[in-house]
All heavy atoms as atom14 arrays in JSON, in Angstrom:
{
  "sequence": "RFATGADAASFAKGKEGFGSGGQRAKDLPGFFDEAYTGSLGTGEVLVN",
  "atom14_mask": [
    [1, 1, 1, 1, 1, 1, 1, 1, 1, 1, 1, 0, 0, 0],
    [1, 1, 1, 1, 1, 1, 1, 1, 1, 1, 1, 0, 0, 0],
    [1, 1, 1, 1, 1, 0, 0, 0, 0, 0, 0, 0, 0, 0],
    [1, 1, 1, 1, 1, 1, 1, 0, 0, 0, 0, 0, 0, 0],
    [1, 1, 1, 1, 0, 0, 0, 0, 0, 0, 0, 0, 0, 0],
    [1, 1, 1, 1, 1, 0, 0, 0, 0, 0, 0, 0, 0, 0],
    [1, 1, 1, 1, 1, 1, 1, 1, 0, 0, 0, 0, 0, 0],
    [1, 1, 1, 1, 1, 0, 0, 0, 0, 0, 0, 0, 0, 0],
    [1, 1, 1, 1, 1, 0, 0, 0, 0, 0, 0, 0, 0, 0],
    [1, 1, 1, 1, 1, 1, 0, 0, 0, 0, 0, 0, 0, 0],
    [1, 1, 1, 1, 1, 1, 1, 1, 1, 1, 1, 0, 0, 0],
    [1, 1, 1, 1, 1, 0, 0, 0, 0, 0, 0, 0, 0, 0],
    [1, 1, 1, 1, 1, 1, 1, 1, 1, 0, 0, 0, 0, 0],
    [1, 1, 1, 1, 0, 0, 0, 0, 0, 0, 0, 0, 0, 0],
    [1, 1, 1, 1, 1, 1, 1, 1, 1, 0, 0, 0, 0, 0],
    [1, 1, 1, 1, 1, 1, 1, 1, 1, 0, 0, 0, 0, 0],
    [1, 1, 1, 1, 0, 0, 0, 0, 0, 0, 0, 0, 0, 0],
    [1, 1, 1, 1, 1, 1, 1, 1, 1, 1, 1, 0, 0, 0],
    [1, 1, 1, 1, 0, 0, 0, 0, 0, 0, 0, 0, 0, 0],
    [1, 1, 1, 1, 1, 1, 0, 0, 0, 0, 0, 0, 0, 0],
    [1, 1, 1, 1, 0, 0, 0, 0, 0, 0, 0, 0, 0, 0],
    [1, 1, 1, 1, 0, 0, 0, 0, 0, 0, 0, 0, 0, 0],
    [1, 1, 1, 1, 1, 1, 1, 1, 1, 0, 0, 0, 0, 0],
    [1, 1, 1, 1, 1, 1, 1, 1, 1, 1, 1, 0, 0, 0],
    [1, 1, 1, 1, 1, 0, 0, 0, 0, 0, 0, 0, 0, 0],
    [1, 1, 1, 1, 1, 1, 1, 1, 1, 0, 0, 0, 0, 0],
    [1, 1, 1, 1, 1, 1, 1, 1, 0, 0, 0, 0, 0, 0],
    [1, 1, 1, 1, 1, 1, 1, 1, 0, 0, 0, 0, 0, 0],
    [1, 1, 1, 1, 1, 1, 1, 0, 0, 0, 0, 0, 0, 0],
    [1, 1, 1, 1, 0, 0, 0, 0, 0, 0, 0, 0, 0, 0],
    [1, 1, 1, 1, 1, 1, 1, 1, 1, 1, 1, 0, 0, 0],
    [1, 1, 1, 1, 1, 1, 1, 1, 1, 1, 1, 0, 0, 0],
    [1, 1, 1, 1, 1, 1, 1, 1, 0, 0, 0, 0, 0, 0],
    [1, 1, 1, 1, 1, 1, 1, 1, 1, 0, 0, 0, 0, 0],
    [1, 1, 1, 1, 1, 0, 0, 0, 0, 0, 0, 0, 0, 0],
    [1, 1, 1, 1, 1, 1, 1, 1, 1, 1, 1, 1, 0, 0],
    [1, 1, 1, 1, 1, 1, 1, 0, 0, 0, 0, 0, 0, 0],
    [1, 1, 1, 1, 0, 0, 0, 0, 0, 0, 0, 0, 0, 0],
    [1, 1, 1, 1, 1, 1, 0, 0, 0, 0, 0, 0, 0, 0],
    [1, 1, 1, 1, 1, 1, 1, 1, 0, 0, 0, 0, 0, 0],
    [1, 1, 1, 1, 0, 0, 0, 0, 0, 0, 0, 0, 0, 0],
    [1, 1, 1, 1, 1, 1, 1, 0, 0, 0, 0, 0, 0, 0],
    [1, 1, 1, 1, 0, 0, 0, 0, 0, 0, 0, 0, 0, 0],
    [1, 1, 1, 1, 1, 1, 1, 1, 1, 0, 0, 0, 0, 0],
    [1, 1, 1, 1, 1, 1, 1, 0, 0, 0, 0, 0, 0, 0],
    [1, 1, 1, 1, 1, 1, 1, 1, 0, 0, 0, 0, 0, 0],
    [1, 1, 1, 1, 1, 1, 1, 0, 0, 0, 0, 0, 0, 0],
    [1, 1, 1, 1, 1, 1, 1, 1, 0, 0, 0, 0, 0, 0]
  ],
  "atom14_positions": [
    [[4.4, -7.43, -7.85], [3.12, -7.9, -8.39], [2.04, -6.91, -8.01], [1.91, -6.52, -6.85], [2.76, -9.28, -7.83], [1.43, -9.79, -8.42], [1.08, -11.18, -7.93], [1.02, -11.3, -6.51], [-0.08, -11.12, -5.77], [-1.21, -10.79, -6.33], [-0.03, -11.28, -4.47], [0.0, 0.0, 0.0], [0.0, 0.0, 0.0], [0.0, 0.0, 0.0]],
    [[1.26, -6.5, -9.01], [0.1, -5.65, -8.78], [-1.15, -6.51, -8.98], [-1.22, -7.28, -9.94], [0.04, -4.52, -9.82], [1.19, -3.55, -9.77], [2.27, -3.68, -10.64], [1.19, -2.5, -8.88], [3.32, -2.79, -10.62], [2.24, -1.59, -8.85], [3.31, -1.74, -9.72], [0.0, 0.0, 0.0], [0.0, 0.0, 0.0], [0.0, 0.0, 0.0]],
    [[-2.11, -6.36, -8.09], [-3.41, -7.02, -8.24], [-4.48, -5.96, -8.18], [-4.59, -5.24, -7.18], [-3.62, -8.07, -7.15], [0.0, 0.0, 0.0], [0.0, 0.0, 0.0], [0.0, 0.0, 0.0], [0.0, 0.0, 0.0], [0.0, 0.0, 0.0], [0.0, 0.0, 0.0], [0.0, 0.0, 0.0], [0.0, 0.0, 0.0], [0.0, 0.0, 0.0]],
    [[-5.25, -5.83, -9.25], [-6.34, -4.85, -9.26], [-7.61, -5.53, -8.77], [-7.72, -6.74, -8.79], [-6.54, -4.28, -10.67], [-6.87, -5.34, -11.56], [-5.29, -3.57, -11.17], [0.0, 0.0, 0.0], [0.0, 0.0, 0.0], [0.0, 0.0, 0.0], [0.0, 0.0, 0.0], [0.0, 0.0, 0.0], [0.0, 0.0, 0.0], [0.0, 0.0, 0.0]],
    [[-8.55, -4.74, -8.3], [-9.8, -5.28, -7.81], [-9.67, -5.97, -6.46], [-10.5, -6.79, -6.1], [0.0, 0.0, 0.0], [0.0, 0.0, 0.0], [0.0, 0.0, 0.0], [0.0, 0.0, 0.0], [0.0, 0.0, 0.0], [0.0, 0.0, 0.0], [0.0, 0.0, 0.0], [0.0, 0.0, 0.0], [0.0, 0.0, 0.0], [0.0, 0.0, 0.0]],
    [[-8.62, -5.64, -5.71], [-8.4, -6.27, -4.39], [-9.39, -5.7, -3.36], [-9.8, -4.56, -3.45], [-6.97, -6.03, -3.93], [0.0, 0.0, 0.0], [0.0, 0.0, 0.0], [0.0, 0.0, 0.0], [0.0, 0.0, 0.0], [0.0, 0.0, 0.0], [0.0, 0.0, 0.0], [0.0, 0.0, 0.0], [0.0, 0.0, 0.0], [0.0, 0.0, 0.0]],
    [[-9.73, -6.53, -2.4], [-10.53, -6.1, -1.26], [-10.02, -6.86, -0.04], [-9.09, -7.67, -0.15], [-12.03, -6.31, -1.5], [-12.41, -7.76, -1.77], [-11.61, -8.67, -1.45], [-13.51, -7.98, -2.29], [0.0, 0.0, 0.0], [0.0, 0.0, 0.0], [0.0, 0.0, 0.0], [0.0, 0.0, 0.0], [0.0, 0.0, 0.0], [0.0, 0.0, 0.0]],
    [[-10.61, -6.6, 1.12], [-10.14, -7.23, 2.35], [-10.21, -8.75, 2.27], [-9.3, -9.46, 2.73], [-10.95, -6.72, 3.55], [0.0, 0.0, 0.0], [0.0, 0.0, 0.0], [0.0, 0.0, 0.0], [0.0, 0.0, 0.0], [0.0, 0.0, 0.0], [0.0, 0.0, 0.0], [0.0, 0.0, 0.0], [0.0, 0.0, 0.0], [0.0, 0.0, 0.0]],
    [[-11.26, -9.28, 1.65], [-11.42, -10.74, 1.56], [-10.35, -11.37, 0.66], [-9.74, -12.38, 1.02], [-12.81, -11.09, 1.05], [0.0, 0.0, 0.0], [0.0, 0.0, 0.0], [0.0, 0.0, 0.0], [0.0, 0.0, 0.0], [0.0, 0.0, 0.0], [0.0, 0.0, 0.0], [0.0, 0.0, 0.0], [0.0, 0.0, 0.0], [0.0, 0.0, 0.0]],
    [[-10.1, -10.77, -0.5], [-9.09, -11.34, -1.41], [-7.69, -11.19, -0.81], [-6.84, -12.06, -0.98], [-9.16, -10.7, -2.79], [-8.82, -9.33, -2.75], [0.0, 0.0, 0.0], [0.0, 0.0, 0.0], [0.0, 0.0, 0.0], [0.0, 0.0, 0.0], [0.0, 0.0, 0.0], [0.0, 0.0, 0.0], [0.0, 0.0, 0.0], [0.0, 0.0, 0.0]],
    [[-7.46, -10.1, -0.09], [-6.16, -9.89, 0.55], [-5.95, -10.96, 1.63], [-4.87, -11.54, 1.74], [-6.07, -8.49, 1.15], [-4.69, -8.09, 1.57], [-3.75, -7.68, 0.64], [-4.32, -8.13, 2.91], [-2.47, -7.3, 1.02], [-3.04, -7.77, 3.3], [-2.11, -7.35, 2.36], [0.0, 0.0, 0.0], [0.0, 0.0, 0.0], [0.0, 0.0, 0.0]],
    [[-6.98, -11.23, 2.42], [-6.87, -12.25, 3.47], [-6.63, -13.63, 2.85], [-5.83, -14.41, 3.38], [-8.15, -12.27, 4.31], [0.0, 0.0, 0.0], [0.0, 0.0, 0.0], [0.0, 0.0, 0.0], [0.0, 0.0, 0.0], [0.0, 0.0, 0.0], [0.0, 0.0, 0.0], [0.0, 0.0, 0.0], [0.0, 0.0, 0.0], [0.0, 0.0, 0.0]],
    [[-7.27, -13.91, 1.73], [-7.08, -15.2, 1.07], [-5.65, -15.32, 0.54], [-5.02, -16.36, 0.66], [-8.08, -15.37, -0.07], [-8.03, -16.73, -0.68], [-9.18, -16.95, -1.62], [-9.1, -18.38, -2.12], [-10.32, -18.84, -2.69], [0.0, 0.0, 0.0], [0.0, 0.0, 0.0], [0.0, 0.0, 0.0], [0.0, 0.0, 0.0], [0.0, 0.0, 0.0]],
    [[-5.1, -14.23, -0.01], [-3.72, -14.23, -0.47], [-2.75, -14.44, 0.68], [-1.77, -15.17, 0.56], [0.0, 0.0, 0.0], [0.0, 0.0, 0.0], [0.0, 0.0, 0.0], [0.0, 0.0, 0.0], [0.0, 0.0, 0.0], [0.0, 0.0, 0.0], [0.0, 0.0, 0.0], [0.0, 0.0, 0.0], [0.0, 0.0, 0.0], [0.0, 0.0, 0.0]],
    [[-3.04, -13.81, 1.81], [-2.2, -13.98, 3.0], [-2.23, -15.42, 3.48], [-1.19, -15.99, 3.82], [-2.67, -13.03, 4.1], [-1.87, -13.13, 5.37], [-2.43, -12.17, 6.42], [-1.78, -12.4, 7.76], [-2.4, -11.58, 8.8], [0.0, 0.0, 0.0], [0.0, 0.0, 0.0], [0.0, 0.0, 0.0], [0.0, 0.0, 0.0], [0.0, 0.0, 0.0]],
    [[-3.39, -16.01, 3.47], [-3.53, -17.41, 3.89], [-2.74, -18.32, 2.95], [-2.03, -19.22, 3.38], [-5.01, -17.8, 3.88], [-5.29, -19.21, 4.32], [-6.78, -19.5, 4.26], [-7.57, -18.7, 4.81], [-7.14, -20.53, 3.67], [0.0, 0.0, 0.0], [0.0, 0.0, 0.0], [0.0, 0.0, 0.0], [0.0, 0.0, 0.0], [0.0, 0.0, 0.0]],
    [[-2.85, -18.09, 1.65], [-2.11, -18.88, 0.67], [-0.61, -18.67, 0.79], [0.18, -19.58, 0.6], [0.0, 0.0, 0.0], [0.0, 0.0, 0.0], [0.0, 0.0, 0.0], [0.0, 0.0, 0.0], [0.0, 0.0, 0.0], [0.0, 0.0, 0.0], [0.0, 0.0, 0.0], [0.0, 0.0, 0.0], [0.0, 0.0, 0.0], [0.0, 0.0, 0.0]],
    [[-0.22, -17.46, 1.14], [1.19, -17.13, 1.33], [1.76, -17.98, 2.45], [2.83, -18.56, 2.32], [1.3, -15.64, 1.68], [2.69, -15.15, 1.86], [3.46, -14.79, 0.78], [3.23, -15.01, 3.13], [4.75, -14.3, 0.94], [4.52, -14.54, 3.31], [5.28, -14.19, 2.21], [0.0, 0.0, 0.0], [0.0, 0.0, 0.0], [0.0, 0.0, 0.0]],
    [[1.04, -18.11, 3.53], [1.49, -18.91, 4.66], [1.61, -20.38, 4.33], [2.47, -21.08, 4.86], [0.0, 0.0, 0.0], [0.0, 0.0, 0.0], [0.0, 0.0, 0.0], [0.0, 0.0, 0.0], [0.0, 0.0, 0.0], [0.0, 0.0, 0.0], [0.0, 0.0, 0.0], [0.0, 0.0, 0.0], [0.0, 0.0, 0.0], [0.0, 0.0, 0.0]],
    [[0.8, -20.87, 3.4], [0.88, -22.28, 3.03], [2.08, -22.57, 2.14], [2.41, -23.72, 1.91], [-0.41, -22.73, 2.34], [-0.52, -22.13, 1.06], [0.0, 0.0, 0.0], [0.0, 0.0, 0.0], [0.0, 0.0, 0.0], [0.0, 0.0, 0.0], [0.0, 0.0, 0.0], [0.0, 0.0, 0.0], [0.0, 0.0, 0.0], [0.0, 0.0, 0.0]],
    [[2.75, -21.54, 1.64], [3.92, -21.72, 0.8], [5.21, -21.88, 1.58], [6.3, -21.8, 1.02], [0.0, 0.0, 0.0], [0.0, 0.0, 0.0], [0.0, 0.0, 0.0], [0.0, 0.0, 0.0], [0.0, 0.0, 0.0], [0.0, 0.0, 0.0], [0.0, 0.0, 0.0], [0.0, 0.0, 0.0], [0.0, 0.0, 0.0], [0.0, 0.0, 0.0]],
    [[5.13, -22.09, 2.88], [6.32, -22.29, 3.69], [6.79, -21.05, 4.41], [7.74, -21.09, 5.17], [0.0, 0.0, 0.0], [0.0, 0.0, 0.0], [0.0, 0.0, 0.0], [0.0, 0.0, 0.0], [0.0, 0.0, 0.0], [0.0, 0.0, 0.0], [0.0, 0.0, 0.0], [0.0, 0.0, 0.0], [0.0, 0.0, 0.0], [0.0, 0.0, 0.0]],
    [[6.13, -19.93, 4.17], [6.49, -18.7, 4.84], [5.43, -18.38, 5.89], [4.28, -18.72, 5.73], [6.55, -17.53, 3.85], [7.59, -17.72, 2.77], [7.73, -16.47, 1.92], [7.92, -15.39, 2.44], [7.63, -16.63, 0.62], [0.0, 0.0, 0.0], [0.0, 0.0, 0.0], [0.0, 0.0, 0.0], [0.0, 0.0, 0.0], [0.0, 0.0, 0.0]],
    [[5.86, -17.75, 6.94], [4.91, -17.31, 7.96], [4.62, -15.84, 7.73], [5.51, -15.01, 7.72], [5.5, -17.51, 9.35], [4.55, -17.07, 10.46], [5.12, -17.41, 11.8], [5.14, -18.85, 11.93], [4.39, -19.51, 12.79], [3.61, -18.87, 13.61], [4.44, -20.81, 12.86], [0.0, 0.0, 0.0], [0.0, 0.0, 0.0], [0.0, 0.0, 0.0]],
    [[3.35, -15.53, 7.51], [2.94, -14.15, 7.29], [2.78, -13.45, 8.63], [2.19, -13.99, 9.56], [1.63, -14.12, 6.51], [0.0, 0.0, 0.0], [0.0, 0.0, 0.0], [0.0, 0.0, 0.0], [0.0, 0.0, 0.0], [0.0, 0.0, 0.0], [0.0, 0.0, 0.0], [0.0, 0.0, 0.0], [0.0, 0.0, 0.0], [0.0, 0.0, 0.0]],
    [[3.33, -12.25, 8.71], [3.23, -11.44, 9.92], [2.58, -10.12, 9.56], [3.02, -9.42, 8.64], [4.64, -11.2, 10.49], [4.66, -10.38, 11.74], [6.08, -10.17, 12.24], [6.07, -9.25, 13.44], [7.42, -8.88, 13.85], [0.0, 0.0, 0.0], [0.0, 0.0, 0.0], [0.0, 0.0, 0.0], [0.0, 0.0, 0.0], [0.0, 0.0, 0.0]],
    [[1.5, -9.77, 10.26], [0.81, -8.51, 10.0], [1.74, -7.33, 10.17], [2.62, -7.33, 11.03], [-0.4, -8.35, 10.93], [-1.54, -9.27, 10.54], [-1.69, -9.56, 9.34], [-2.29, -9.69, 11.44], [0.0, 0.0, 0.0], [0.0, 0.0, 0.0], [0.0, 0.0, 0.0], [0.0, 0.0, 0.0], [0.0, 0.0, 0.0], [0.0, 0.0, 0.0]],
    [[1.51, -6.3, 9.35], [2.25, -5.05, 9.43], [1.23, -3.94, 9.64], [0.78, -3.29, 8.7], [3.06, -4.83, 8.15], [3.96, -3.62, 8.09], [5.03, -3.68, 9.18], [4.63, -3.55, 6.71], [0.0, 0.0, 0.0], [0.0, 0.0, 0.0], [0.0, 0.0, 0.0], [0.0, 0.0, 0.0], [0.0, 0.0, 0.0], [0.0, 0.0, 0.0]],
    [[0.8, -3.75, 10.9], [-0.28, -2.79, 11.17], [0.14, -1.36, 10.85], [1.29, -0.98, 10.99], [-0.54, -2.95, 12.68], [0.49, -3.86, 13.22], [1.3, -4.39, 12.09], [0.0, 0.0, 0.0], [0.0, 0.0, 0.0], [0.0, 0.0, 0.0], [0.0, 0.0, 0.0], [0.0, 0.0, 0.0], [0.0, 0.0, 0.0], [0.0, 0.0, 0.0]],
    [[-0.86, -0.57, 10.39], [-0.63, 0.85, 10.14], [0.04, 1.15, 8.81], [0.33, 2.31, 8.52], [0.0, 0.0, 0.0], [0.0, 0.0, 0.0], [0.0, 0.0, 0.0], [0.0, 0.0, 0.0], [0.0, 0.0, 0.0], [0.0, 0.0, 0.0], [0.0, 0.0, 0.0], [0.0, 0.0, 0.0], [0.0, 0.0, 0.0], [0.0, 0.0, 0.0]],
    [[0.27, 0.14, 7.98], [0.88, 0.37, 6.68], [-0.2, 0.21, 5.63], [-0.66, -0.9, 5.34], [2.04, -0.6, 6.46], [2.91, -0.27, 5.27], [3.66, 0.89, 5.24], [2.97, -1.13, 4.19], [4.45, 1.21, 4.15], [3.76, -0.83, 3.1], [4.51, 0.34, 3.07], [0.0, 0.0, 0.0], [0.0, 0.0, 0.0], [0.0, 0.0, 0.0]],
    [[-0.66, 1.31, 5.09], [-1.76, 1.4, 4.15], [-3.0, 0.73, 4.74], [-3.14, 0.67, 5.95], [-1.35, 0.85, 2.77], [-0.31, 1.75, 2.13], [1.03, 1.42, 2.15], [-0.69, 2.95, 1.55], [1.98, 2.26, 1.6], [0.27, 3.8, 0.99], [1.6, 3.45, 1.01], [0.0, 0.0, 0.0], [0.0, 0.0, 0.0], [0.0, 0.0, 0.0]],
    [[-3.93, 0.25, 3.91], [-5.17, -0.32, 4.44], [-4.9, -1.59, 5.24], [-5.51, -1.83, 6.27], [-6.16, -0.63, 3.31], [-6.66, 0.64, 2.63], [-6.47, 1.74, 3.19], [-7.23, 0.53, 1.54], [0.0, 0.0, 0.0], [0.0, 0.0, 0.0], [0.0, 0.0, 0.0], [0.0, 0.0, 0.0], [0.0, 0.0, 0.0], [0.0, 0.0, 0.0]],
    [[-3.99, -2.4, 4.74], [-3.54, -3.6, 5.44], [-2.28, -4.1, 4.76], [-2.05, -3.83, 3.58], [-4.62, -4.68, 5.48], [-5.22, -5.05, 4.14], [-6.44, -5.96, 4.29], [-6.51, -6.73, 5.27], [-7.32, -5.89, 3.43], [0.0, 0.0, 0.0], [0.0, 0.0, 0.0], [0.0, 0.0, 0.0], [0.0, 0.0, 0.0], [0.0, 0.0, 0.0]],
    [[-1.46, -4.8, 5.53], [-0.2, -5.29, 4.99], [0.31, -6.45, 5.83], [-0.07, -6.6, 6.99], [0.84, -4.17, 4.97], [0.0, 0.0, 0.0], [0.0, 0.0, 0.0], [0.0, 0.0, 0.0], [0.0, 0.0, 0.0], [0.0, 0.0, 0.0], [0.0, 0.0, 0.0], [0.0, 0.0, 0.0], [0.0, 0.0, 0.0], [0.0, 0.0, 0.0]],
    [[1.18, -7.26, 5.21], [1.87, -8.33, 5.93], [3.23, -8.54, 5.31], [3.51, -8.11, 4.19], [1.05, -9.63, 5.96], [0.78, -10.26, 4.61], [1.69, -11.15, 4.03], [-0.4, -10.0, 3.93], [1.43, -11.73, 2.8], [-0.66, -10.59, 2.7], [0.26, -11.45, 2.14], [0.01, -12.03, 0.93], [0.0, 0.0, 0.0], [0.0, 0.0, 0.0]],
    [[4.09, -9.22, 6.05], [5.44, -9.54, 5.59], [5.71, -11.02, 5.8], [5.0, -11.69, 6.55], [6.51, -8.75, 6.38], [6.43, -9.12, 7.76], [6.32, -7.25, 6.24], [0.0, 0.0, 0.0], [0.0, 0.0, 0.0], [0.0, 0.0, 0.0], [0.0, 0.0, 0.0], [0.0, 0.0, 0.0], [0.0, 0.0, 0.0], [0.0, 0.0, 0.0]],
    [[6.75, -11.49, 5.14], [7.19, -12.86, 5.33], [8.59, -13.03, 4.78], [9.02, -12.28, 3.91], [0.0, 0.0, 0.0], [0.0, 0.0, 0.0], [0.0, 0.0, 0.0], [0.0, 0.0, 0.0], [0.0, 0.0, 0.0], [0.0, 0.0, 0.0], [0.0, 0.0, 0.0], [0.0, 0.0, 0.0], [0.0, 0.0, 0.0], [0.0, 0.0, 0.0]],
    [[9.32, -14.0, 5.32], [10.69, -14.28, 4.86], [10.83, -15.76, 4.58], [10.17, -16.59, 5.19], [11.71, -13.89, 5.93], [11.67, -12.51, 6.17], [0.0, 0.0, 0.0], [0.0, 0.0, 0.0], [0.0, 0.0, 0.0], [0.0, 0.0, 0.0], [0.0, 0.0, 0.0], [0.0, 0.0, 0.0], [0.0, 0.0, 0.0], [0.0, 0.0, 0.0]],
    [[11.71, -16.07, 3.65], [11.98, -17.45, 3.29], [13.48, -17.6, 3.13], [14.13, -16.79, 2.49], [11.28, -17.83, 1.99], [11.39, -19.27, 1.53], [10.73, -20.2, 2.54], [10.73, -19.43, 0.18], [0.0, 0.0, 0.0], [0.0, 0.0, 0.0], [0.0, 0.0, 0.0], [0.0, 0.0, 0.0], [0.0, 0.0, 0.0], [0.0, 0.0, 0.0]],
    [[14.04, -18.65, 3.71], [15.47, -18.92, 3.61], [16.19, -18.6, 4.9], [15.59, -18.15, 5.88], [0.0, 0.0, 0.0], [0.0, 0.0, 0.0], [0.0, 0.0, 0.0], [0.0, 0.0, 0.0], [0.0, 0.0, 0.0], [0.0, 0.0, 0.0], [0.0, 0.0, 0.0], [0.0, 0.0, 0.0], [0.0, 0.0, 0.0], [0.0, 0.0, 0.0]],
    [[17.49, -18.83, 4.89], [18.32, -18.56, 6.05], [19.69, -18.1, 5.59], [20.07, -18.27, 4.43], [18.51, -19.83, 6.92], [19.11, -20.84, 6.11], [17.2, -20.32, 7.5], [0.0, 0.0, 0.0], [0.0, 0.0, 0.0], [0.0, 0.0, 0.0], [0.0, 0.0, 0.0], [0.0, 0.0, 0.0], [0.0, 0.0, 0.0], [0.0, 0.0, 0.0]],
    [[20.43, -17.52, 6.5], [21.81, -17.12, 6.22], [21.9, -16.11, 5.1], [21.18, -15.12, 5.08], [0.0, 0.0, 0.0], [0.0, 0.0, 0.0], [0.0, 0.0, 0.0], [0.0, 0.0, 0.0], [0.0, 0.0, 0.0], [0.0, 0.0, 0.0], [0.0, 0.0, 0.0], [0.0, 0.0, 0.0], [0.0, 0.0, 0.0], [0.0, 0.0, 0.0]],
    [[22.77, -16.39, 4.14], [23.0, -15.47, 3.04], [21.87, -15.47, 2.01], [21.74, -14.55, 1.22], [24.31, -15.81, 2.34], [25.53, -15.54, 3.19], [26.81, -15.87, 2.44], [26.82, -15.84, 1.19], [27.81, -16.15, 3.12], [0.0, 0.0, 0.0], [0.0, 0.0, 0.0], [0.0, 0.0, 0.0], [0.0, 0.0, 0.0], [0.0, 0.0, 0.0]],
    [[21.07, -16.52, 2.0], [20.0, -16.64, 1.01], [18.67, -16.4, 1.72], [18.02, -17.33, 2.19], [20.02, -18.03, 0.33], [18.98, -18.1, -0.77], [21.4, -18.33, -0.22], [0.0, 0.0, 0.0], [0.0, 0.0, 0.0], [0.0, 0.0, 0.0], [0.0, 0.0, 0.0], [0.0, 0.0, 0.0], [0.0, 0.0, 0.0], [0.0, 0.0, 0.0]],
    [[18.29, -15.15, 1.81], [17.04, -14.77, 2.47], [16.24, -13.91, 1.51], [16.76, -12.95, 0.94], [17.33, -13.98, 3.75], [16.12, -13.58, 4.57], [15.4, -14.82, 5.12], [16.53, -12.68, 5.72], [0.0, 0.0, 0.0], [0.0, 0.0, 0.0], [0.0, 0.0, 0.0], [0.0, 0.0, 0.0], [0.0, 0.0, 0.0], [0.0, 0.0, 0.0]],
    [[14.99, -14.26, 1.32], [14.1, -13.51, 0.45], [12.94, -13.01, 1.31], [12.31, -13.78, 2.03], [13.58, -14.39, -0.71], [12.58, -13.63, -1.56], [14.73, -14.87, -1.56], [0.0, 0.0, 0.0], [0.0, 0.0, 0.0], [0.0, 0.0, 0.0], [0.0, 0.0, 0.0], [0.0, 0.0, 0.0], [0.0, 0.0, 0.0], [0.0, 0.0, 0.0]],
    [[12.69, -11.71, 1.23], [11.61, -11.09, 1.98], [10.48, -10.73, 1.05], [10.7, -10.37, -0.12], [12.09, -9.82, 2.68], [13.08, -10.13, 3.78], [12.88, -11.05, 4.56], [14.17, -9.38, 3.83], [0.0, 0.0, 0.0], [0.0, 0.0, 0.0], [0.0, 0.0, 0.0], [0.0, 0.0, 0.0], [0.0, 0.0, 0.0], [0.0, 0.0, 0.0]]
  ]
}
């Protein structure tokens, strides 16, 4: 997914919404301006 017109505030809001979807967002410092990761599922069915 590409989002144009992003800024720090919209990125933070997306991260917050991401966490409410059942995934825990974890910051990924030093990767571009800002970044985070998250995983959903267990065992063989894991989506990052």
